[in-house]
Amino acid sequence: MSDKTIKITQVRSTINCTKKQKATIKALGLGRPNYQVEKPDNACTRGQIRVVRHIVKVDEELS
């Protein structure tokens, strides 16, 4: 397993987003602009980020 994590920051509101995008934001643990979470860097997380890439900013970190 990789110890690499990524920091995800929500930079835009989910107003006018689809239900799928809103559900993905909630599943990532976000909900409002400027919320931040750290998640493991794996394929599942990368897939979620791809769905909402216009709403979030991603910073890669090494733990």
N, C-alpha and C. Protein backbone atom coordinates (compact mmCIF):
# COMPACT_ATOMS: atom_id res chain seq x y z
N MET A 1 0.83 -1.19 0.00
CA MET A 1 0.00 0.00 0.00
C MET A 1 0.87 1.25 0.00
N SER A 2 0.42 2.21 -0.69
CA SER A 2 1.10 3.49 -0.75
C SER A 2 0.67 4.35 0.43
N ASP A 3 1.62 5.11 0.97
CA ASP A 3 1.31 6.01 2.08
C ASP A 3 0.94 7.39 1.57
N LYS A 4 0.80 7.52 0.27
CA LYS A 4 0.53 8.81 -0.33
C LYS A 4 -0.93 9.23 -0.09
N THR A 5 -1.12 10.50 0.28
CA THR A 5 -2.46 11.04 0.44
C THR A 5 -2.61 12.27 -0.43
N ILE A 6 -3.85 12.64 -0.67
CA ILE A 6 -4.13 13.85 -1.43
C ILE A 6 -5.08 14.72 -0.63
N LYS A 7 -4.86 16.02 -0.70
CA LYS A 7 -5.72 16.97 -0.02
C LYS A 7 -6.70 17.53 -1.04
N ILE A 8 -7.98 17.41 -0.74
CA ILE A 8 -9.04 17.84 -1.66
C ILE A 8 -9.75 19.03 -1.03
N THR A 9 -9.84 20.12 -1.77
CA THR A 9 -10.50 21.34 -1.30
C THR A 9 -11.64 21.67 -2.24
N GLN A 10 -12.82 21.88 -1.68
CA GLN A 10 -13.96 22.30 -2.50
C GLN A 10 -13.84 23.79 -2.73
N VAL A 11 -13.82 24.21 -4.00
CA VAL A 11 -13.64 25.63 -4.32
C VAL A 11 -14.89 26.28 -4.88
N ARG A 12 -15.87 25.50 -5.26
CA ARG A 12 -17.12 26.05 -5.80
C ARG A 12 -18.31 25.41 -5.12
N SER A 13 -19.45 26.08 -5.21
CA SER A 13 -20.68 25.57 -4.65
C SER A 13 -21.26 24.47 -5.55
N THR A 14 -22.14 23.65 -4.99
CA THR A 14 -22.77 22.59 -5.77
C THR A 14 -24.12 23.02 -6.34
N ILE A 15 -24.43 24.31 -6.24
CA ILE A 15 -25.66 24.81 -6.85
C ILE A 15 -25.55 24.61 -8.37
N ASN A 16 -26.60 24.17 -8.99
CA ASN A 16 -26.67 23.87 -10.43
C ASN A 16 -25.82 22.68 -10.84
N CYS A 17 -25.47 21.80 -9.89
CA CYS A 17 -24.77 20.56 -10.22
C CYS A 17 -25.79 19.42 -10.28
N THR A 18 -25.41 18.36 -10.94
CA THR A 18 -26.30 17.20 -11.04
C THR A 18 -26.34 16.46 -9.71
N LYS A 19 -27.32 15.57 -9.57
CA LYS A 19 -27.45 14.78 -8.34
C LYS A 19 -26.22 13.91 -8.12
N LYS A 20 -25.68 13.38 -9.20
CA LYS A 20 -24.49 12.54 -9.10
C LYS A 20 -23.30 13.32 -8.55
N GLN A 21 -23.13 14.54 -9.02
CA GLN A 21 -22.03 15.37 -8.55
C GLN A 21 -22.21 15.76 -7.09
N LYS A 22 -23.44 16.07 -6.69
CA LYS A 22 -23.71 16.42 -5.29
C LYS A 22 -23.45 15.22 -4.39
N ALA A 23 -23.84 14.04 -4.84
CA ALA A 23 -23.62 12.83 -4.05
C ALA A 23 -22.13 12.52 -3.93
N THR A 24 -21.38 12.78 -4.97
CA THR A 24 -19.94 12.54 -4.94
C THR A 24 -19.25 13.50 -3.97
N ILE A 25 -19.66 14.75 -3.97
CA ILE A 25 -19.11 15.73 -3.02
C ILE A 25 -19.37 15.27 -1.59
N LYS A 26 -20.58 14.81 -1.33
CA LYS A 26 -20.94 14.33 0.00
C LYS A 26 -20.12 13.09 0.37
N ALA A 27 -19.92 12.18 -0.58
CA ALA A 27 -19.16 10.96 -0.34
C ALA A 27 -17.69 11.27 -0.05
N LEU A 28 -17.18 12.35 -0.62
CA LEU A 28 -15.80 12.75 -0.36
C LEU A 28 -15.65 13.41 1.00
N GLY A 29 -16.76 13.76 1.63
CA GLY A 29 -16.70 14.40 2.94
C GLY A 29 -16.69 15.91 2.86
N LEU A 30 -17.04 16.44 1.72
CA LEU A 30 -17.10 17.88 1.53
C LEU A 30 -18.55 18.33 1.60
N GLY A 31 -18.82 19.60 1.42
CA GLY A 31 -20.20 20.04 1.45
C GLY A 31 -20.36 21.52 1.22
N ARG A 32 -19.32 22.29 1.53
CA ARG A 32 -19.38 23.73 1.35
C ARG A 32 -18.05 24.19 0.78
N PRO A 33 -18.04 25.30 0.09
CA PRO A 33 -16.76 25.83 -0.41
C PRO A 33 -15.77 26.05 0.73
N ASN A 34 -14.52 25.79 0.44
CA ASN A 34 -13.37 25.92 1.35
C ASN A 34 -13.26 24.80 2.38
N TYR A 35 -14.10 23.77 2.31
CA TYR A 35 -13.91 22.59 3.14
C TYR A 35 -12.74 21.79 2.56
N GLN A 36 -11.96 21.15 3.44
CA GLN A 36 -10.82 20.34 3.01
C GLN A 36 -10.87 18.97 3.67
N VAL A 37 -10.44 17.95 2.92
CA VAL A 37 -10.30 16.61 3.47
C VAL A 37 -9.02 16.01 2.91
N GLU A 38 -8.48 15.03 3.63
CA GLU A 38 -7.34 14.26 3.13
C GLU A 38 -7.82 12.84 2.90
N LYS A 39 -7.55 12.33 1.72
CA LYS A 39 -7.96 10.99 1.33
C LYS A 39 -6.76 10.23 0.81
N PRO A 40 -6.78 8.90 0.89
CA PRO A 40 -5.69 8.12 0.30
C PRO A 40 -5.71 8.24 -1.22
N ASP A 41 -4.54 8.23 -1.80
CA ASP A 41 -4.42 8.34 -3.25
C ASP A 41 -4.58 6.96 -3.86
N ASN A 42 -5.81 6.63 -4.27
CA ASN A 42 -6.07 5.35 -4.91
C ASN A 42 -7.03 5.56 -6.08
N ALA A 43 -7.33 4.50 -6.79
CA ALA A 43 -8.16 4.60 -7.98
C ALA A 43 -9.58 5.06 -7.66
N CYS A 44 -10.12 4.63 -6.55
CA CYS A 44 -11.48 5.01 -6.17
C CYS A 44 -11.58 6.52 -5.94
N THR A 45 -10.65 7.04 -5.17
CA THR A 45 -10.65 8.48 -4.90
C THR A 45 -10.42 9.28 -6.17
N ARG A 46 -9.52 8.82 -7.01
CA ARG A 46 -9.24 9.52 -8.28
C ARG A 46 -10.49 9.53 -9.17
N GLY A 47 -11.26 8.47 -9.17
CA GLY A 47 -12.50 8.42 -9.95
C GLY A 47 -13.53 9.41 -9.44
N GLN A 48 -13.63 9.53 -8.12
CA GLN A 48 -14.56 10.51 -7.55
C GLN A 48 -14.13 11.93 -7.90
N ILE A 49 -12.85 12.19 -7.83
CA ILE A 49 -12.34 13.52 -8.16
C ILE A 49 -12.63 13.85 -9.62
N ARG A 50 -12.51 12.87 -10.50
CA ARG A 50 -12.75 13.11 -11.92
C ARG A 50 -14.19 13.55 -12.19
N VAL A 51 -15.14 13.04 -11.40
CA VAL A 51 -16.54 13.40 -11.57
C VAL A 51 -16.78 14.87 -11.22
N VAL A 52 -16.06 15.38 -10.22
CA VAL A 52 -16.29 16.75 -9.74
C VAL A 52 -15.05 17.63 -9.91
N ARG A 53 -14.28 17.38 -10.93
CA ARG A 53 -13.00 18.09 -11.11
C ARG A 53 -13.18 19.59 -11.29
N HIS A 54 -14.35 20.05 -11.69
CA HIS A 54 -14.59 21.48 -11.87
C HIS A 54 -15.01 22.16 -10.56
N ILE A 55 -15.22 21.38 -9.51
CA ILE A 55 -15.68 21.92 -8.23
C ILE A 55 -14.56 21.87 -7.18
N VAL A 56 -13.58 21.00 -7.34
CA VAL A 56 -12.56 20.80 -6.33
C VAL A 56 -11.16 21.15 -6.85
N LYS A 57 -10.26 21.36 -5.89
CA LYS A 57 -8.84 21.56 -6.17
C LYS A 57 -8.11 20.45 -5.44
N VAL A 58 -7.12 19.84 -6.07
CA VAL A 58 -6.41 18.72 -5.50
C VAL A 58 -4.94 19.07 -5.30
N ASP A 59 -4.44 18.85 -4.08
CA ASP A 59 -3.02 19.01 -3.75
C ASP A 59 -2.48 17.66 -3.36
N GLU A 60 -1.44 17.22 -4.06
CA GLU A 60 -0.85 15.92 -3.75
C GLU A 60 0.23 16.10 -2.68
N GLU A 61 0.25 15.18 -1.72
CA GLU A 61 1.20 15.24 -0.60
C GLU A 61 1.79 13.86 -0.38
N LEU A 62 2.93 13.83 0.22
CA LEU A 62 3.51 12.58 0.67
C LEU A 62 3.42 12.52 2.18
N SER A 63 2.86 11.44 2.70
CA SER A 63 2.72 11.31 4.16
C SER A 63 3.86 10.49 4.70
